[in-house]
C-alpha atoms as a PDB file:
ATOM      1  CA  UNK A   1      83.221  99.155  94.470  1.00  0.00           C
ATOM      2  CA  UNK A   2      84.903  99.624  91.110  1.00  0.00           C
ATOM      3  CA  UNK A   3      88.087 101.627  90.900  1.00  0.00           C
ATOM      4  CA  UNK A   4      90.157 102.376  87.844  1.00  0.00           C
ATOM      5  CA  UNK A   5      93.657 100.967  87.847  1.00  0.00           C
ATOM      6  CA  UNK A   6      96.686 101.250  85.611  1.00  0.00           C
ATOM      7  CA  UNK A   7      96.069 101.180  81.850  1.00  0.00           C
ATOM      8  CA  UNK A   8      93.188  98.858  80.994  1.00  0.00           C
ATOM      9  CA  UNK A   9      93.232  97.363  84.490  1.00  0.00           C
ATOM     10  CA  UNK A  10      90.307  97.406  86.899  1.00  0.00           C
ATOM     11  CA  UNK A  11      90.031  96.784  90.630  1.00  0.00           C
ATOM     12  CA  UNK A  12      87.073  94.917  92.064  1.00  0.00           C
ATOM     13  CA  UNK A  13      86.643  95.164  95.856  1.00  0.00           C
ATOM     14  CA  UNK A  14      84.128  93.263  97.926  1.00  0.00           C
ATOM     15  CA  UNK A  15      83.119  89.918  99.400  1.00  0.00           C
ATOM     16  CA  UNK A  16      83.151  86.599  97.546  1.00  0.00           C
ATOM     17  CA  UNK A  17      79.618  85.263  96.982  1.00  0.00           C
ATOM     18  CA  UNK A  18      80.574  82.373  94.656  1.00  0.00           C
ATOM     19  CA  UNK A  19      83.783  80.860  93.318  1.00  0.00           C
ATOM     20  CA  UNK A  20      84.859  77.913  91.203  1.00  0.00           C
ATOM     21  CA  UNK A  21      87.856  77.136  89.004  1.00  0.00           C
ATOM     22  CA  UNK A  22      86.763  79.458  86.186  1.00  0.00           C
ATOM     23  CA  UNK A  23      85.141  82.484  87.835  1.00  0.00           C
ATOM     24  CA  UNK A  24      84.606  84.454  91.009  1.00  0.00           C
ATOM     25  CA  UNK A  25      81.509  86.461  91.952  1.00  0.00           C
ATOM     26  CA  UNK A  26      82.011  89.465  94.204  1.00  0.00           C
ATOM     27  CA  UNK A  27      79.404  91.605  95.965  1.00  0.00           C
ATOM     28  CA  UNK A  28      80.742  95.155  96.122  1.00  0.00           C
ATOM     29  CA  UNK A  29      80.157  97.657  98.921  1.00  0.00           C
ATOM     30  CA  UNK A  30      77.444  99.243  96.766  1.00  0.00           C
ATOM     31  CA  UNK A  31      75.636  95.897  96.527  1.00  0.00           C
ATOM     32  CA  UNK A  32      76.546  95.173  92.898  1.00  0.00           C
ATOM     33  CA  UNK A  33      77.434  91.638  91.856  1.00  0.00           C
ATOM     34  CA  UNK A  34      80.540  91.461  89.650  1.00  0.00           C
ATOM     35  CA  UNK A  35      81.717  88.330  87.853  1.00  0.00           C
ATOM     36  CA  UNK A  36      85.428  87.975  87.055  1.00  0.00           C
ATOM     37  CA  UNK A  37      86.943  85.131  85.041  1.00  0.00           C
ATOM     38  CA  UNK A  38      89.807  83.152  86.605  1.00  0.00           C
ATOM     39  CA  UNK A  39      92.564  81.535  84.534  1.00  0.00           C
ATOM     40  CA  UNK A  40      95.597  79.348  85.176  1.00  0.00           C
ATOM     41  CA  UNK A  41      97.647  82.592  85.146  1.00  0.00           C
ATOM     42  CA  UNK A  42      95.642  84.222  87.961  1.00  0.00           C
ATOM     43  CA  UNK A  43      97.818  84.782  91.052  1.00  0.00           C
ATOM     44  CA  UNK A  44      96.361  84.428  94.559  1.00  0.00           C
ATOM     45  CA  UNK A  45      97.813  86.397  97.464  1.00  0.00           C
ATOM     46  CA  UNK A  46      96.497  85.816 100.983  1.00  0.00           C
ATOM     47  CA  UNK A  47      96.864  88.524 103.616  1.00  0.00           C
ATOM     48  CA  UNK A  48      97.703  85.781 106.107  1.00  0.00           C
ATOM     49  CA  UNK A  49     100.287  83.557 104.416  1.00  0.00           C
ATOM     50  CA  UNK A  50      99.088  80.571 106.471  1.00  0.00           C
ATOM     51  CA  UNK A  51      95.711  80.706 104.735  1.00  0.00           C
ATOM     52  CA  UNK A  52      94.625  78.443 101.920  1.00  0.00           C
ATOM     53  CA  UNK A  53      95.784  79.239  98.387  1.00  0.00           C
ATOM     54  CA  UNK A  54      92.371  80.358  97.091  1.00  0.00           C
ATOM     55  CA  UNK A  55      89.642  82.505  98.609  1.00  0.00           C
ATOM     56  CA  UNK A  56      86.324  81.030  99.680  1.00  0.00           C
ATOM     57  CA  UNK A  57      82.793  82.392  99.911  1.00  0.00           C
ATOM     58  CA  UNK A  58      82.691  85.124 102.555  1.00  0.00           C
ATOM     59  CA  UNK A  59      86.326  86.230 102.147  1.00  0.00           C
ATOM     60  CA  UNK A  60      87.120  89.858 101.363  1.00  0.00           C
ATOM     61  CA  UNK A  61      88.932  90.381  98.062  1.00  0.00           C
ATOM     62  CA  UNK A  62      90.657  92.996  95.978  1.00  0.00           C
ATOM     63  CA  UNK A  63      90.898  91.727  92.423  1.00  0.00           C
ATOM     64  CA  UNK A  64      93.213  93.220  89.838  1.00  0.00           C
ATOM     65  CA  UNK A  65      91.645  92.466  86.475  1.00  0.00           C
ATOM     66  CA  UNK A  66      92.048  93.280  82.803  1.00  0.00           C
ATOM     67  CA  UNK A  67      89.042  94.257  80.735  1.00  0.00           C
ATOM     68  CA  UNK A  68      88.709  92.007  77.703  1.00  0.00           C
ATOM     69  CA  UNK A  69      85.983  91.631  75.100  1.00  0.00           C
ATOM     70  CA  UNK A  70      84.526  88.728  77.091  1.00  0.00           C
ATOM     71  CA  UNK A  71      84.509  90.700  80.365  1.00  0.00           C
ATOM     72  CA  UNK A  72      86.910  91.020  83.281  1.00  0.00           C
ATOM     73  CA  UNK A  73      89.770  88.545  83.665  1.00  0.00           C
ATOM     74  CA  UNK A  74      91.612  88.383  87.008  1.00  0.00           C
ATOM     75  CA  UNK A  75      95.375  88.819  87.021  1.00  0.00           C
ATOM     76  CA  UNK A  76      95.703  88.878  90.843  1.00  0.00           C
ATOM     77  CA  UNK A  77      93.305  88.107  93.670  1.00  0.00           C
ATOM     78  CA  UNK A  78      94.288  89.528  97.058  1.00  0.00           C
ATOM     79  CA  UNK A  79      92.158  88.122  99.873  1.00  0.00           C
ATOM     80  CA  UNK A  80      91.687  87.822 103.608  1.00  0.00           C
ATOM     81  CA  UNK A  81      89.284  86.045 105.900  1.00  0.00           C
ATOM     82  CA  UNK A  82      86.225  88.203 106.534  1.00  0.00           C
ATOM     83  CA  UNK A  83      85.813  87.004 110.125  1.00  0.00           C
ATOM     84  CA  UNK A  84      86.422  89.763 112.682  1.00  0.00           C
ATOM     85  CA  UNK A  85      89.726  89.508 114.510  1.00  0.00           C
ATOM     86  CA  UNK A  86      89.431  88.584 118.200  1.00  0.00           C
ATOM     87  CA  UNK A  87      90.199  91.416 120.578  1.00  0.00           C
ATOM     88  CA  UNK A  88      93.056  90.686 122.977  1.00  0.00           C
END
Protein backbone atom coordinates (compact mmCIF):
# COMPACT_ATOMS: atom_id res chain seq x y z
CA UNK A 1 0.00 0.00 0.00
CA UNK A 2 1.29 3.44 -0.91
CA UNK A 3 0.30 6.40 1.20
CA UNK A 4 1.31 10.01 0.76
CA UNK A 5 3.35 11.50 3.56
CA UNK A 6 4.66 14.93 4.41
CA UNK A 7 6.07 17.00 1.54
CA UNK A 8 7.83 14.79 -0.99
CA UNK A 9 7.79 11.85 1.42
CA UNK A 10 6.14 8.50 0.72
CA UNK A 11 5.16 5.60 2.96
CA UNK A 12 5.59 2.03 1.79
CA UNK A 13 3.77 -0.62 3.87
CA UNK A 14 4.08 -4.35 3.45
CA UNK A 15 6.25 -7.43 3.93
CA UNK A 16 9.95 -7.66 3.07
CA UNK A 17 10.57 -10.03 0.14
CA UNK A 18 14.28 -9.20 -0.35
CA UNK A 19 16.87 -7.05 1.38
CA UNK A 20 20.58 -6.32 1.12
CA UNK A 21 22.81 -3.40 2.07
CA UNK A 22 21.61 -1.17 -0.78
CA UNK A 23 17.90 -1.89 -1.24
CA UNK A 24 14.77 -3.43 0.20
CA UNK A 25 11.92 -5.03 -1.75
CA UNK A 26 8.46 -4.87 -0.20
CA UNK A 27 5.28 -6.66 -1.26
CA UNK A 28 2.35 -4.37 -0.47
CA UNK A 29 -1.12 -5.46 0.65
CA UNK A 30 -2.28 -4.98 -2.95
CA UNK A 31 0.39 -7.40 -4.17
CA UNK A 32 2.67 -4.79 -5.73
CA UNK A 33 6.43 -5.13 -5.39
CA UNK A 34 8.16 -1.88 -4.42
CA UNK A 35 11.92 -1.37 -4.38
CA UNK A 36 13.39 1.24 -2.03
CA UNK A 37 17.06 2.22 -1.90
CA UNK A 38 18.84 2.05 1.47
CA UNK A 39 21.72 4.36 2.40
CA UNK A 40 24.09 4.80 5.32
CA UNK A 41 21.68 7.51 6.57
CA UNK A 42 18.66 5.17 6.69
CA UNK A 43 17.43 4.70 10.28
CA UNK A 44 16.03 1.35 11.44
CA UNK A 45 13.45 1.19 14.23
CA UNK A 46 12.28 -2.18 15.53
CA UNK A 47 8.91 -2.49 17.24
CA UNK A 48 10.55 -4.85 19.73
CA UNK A 49 13.78 -3.16 20.82
CA UNK A 50 15.36 -6.57 21.50
CA UNK A 51 15.17 -7.41 17.80
CA UNK A 52 18.05 -7.22 15.38
CA UNK A 53 19.00 -3.84 13.93
CA UNK A 54 17.75 -4.55 10.39
CA UNK A 55 14.63 -6.25 9.08
CA UNK A 56 14.77 -9.63 7.37
CA UNK A 57 12.68 -11.31 4.70
CA UNK A 58 9.18 -11.90 6.06
CA UNK A 59 9.17 -8.93 8.47
CA UNK A 60 6.42 -6.32 8.24
CA UNK A 61 7.67 -2.81 7.47
CA UNK A 62 6.55 0.77 7.21
CA UNK A 63 9.15 2.69 5.23
CA UNK A 64 9.36 6.46 5.21
CA UNK A 65 11.01 7.39 1.93
CA UNK A 66 11.83 10.42 -0.19
CA UNK A 67 11.10 10.40 -3.89
CA UNK A 68 14.23 11.19 -5.88
CA UNK A 69 14.99 11.08 -9.59
CA UNK A 70 16.46 7.60 -9.16
CA UNK A 71 13.40 6.31 -7.26
CA UNK A 72 12.50 5.98 -3.59
CA UNK A 73 15.19 6.36 -0.94
CA UNK A 74 14.43 5.20 2.62
CA UNK A 75 14.88 7.67 5.46
CA UNK A 76 13.39 5.38 8.15
CA UNK A 77 12.42 1.72 8.20
CA UNK A 78 10.03 0.72 10.99
CA UNK A 79 9.69 -3.06 11.29
CA UNK A 80 8.37 -5.94 13.35
CA UNK A 81 8.51 -9.70 13.15
CA UNK A 82 5.65 -11.01 11.02
CA UNK A 83 5.21 -14.16 13.11
CA UNK A 84 1.87 -14.24 14.96
CA UNK A 85 2.12 -13.56 18.67
CA UNK A 86 1.41 -16.58 20.90
CA UNK A 87 -1.88 -16.42 22.74
CA UNK A 88 -1.54 -16.59 26.52
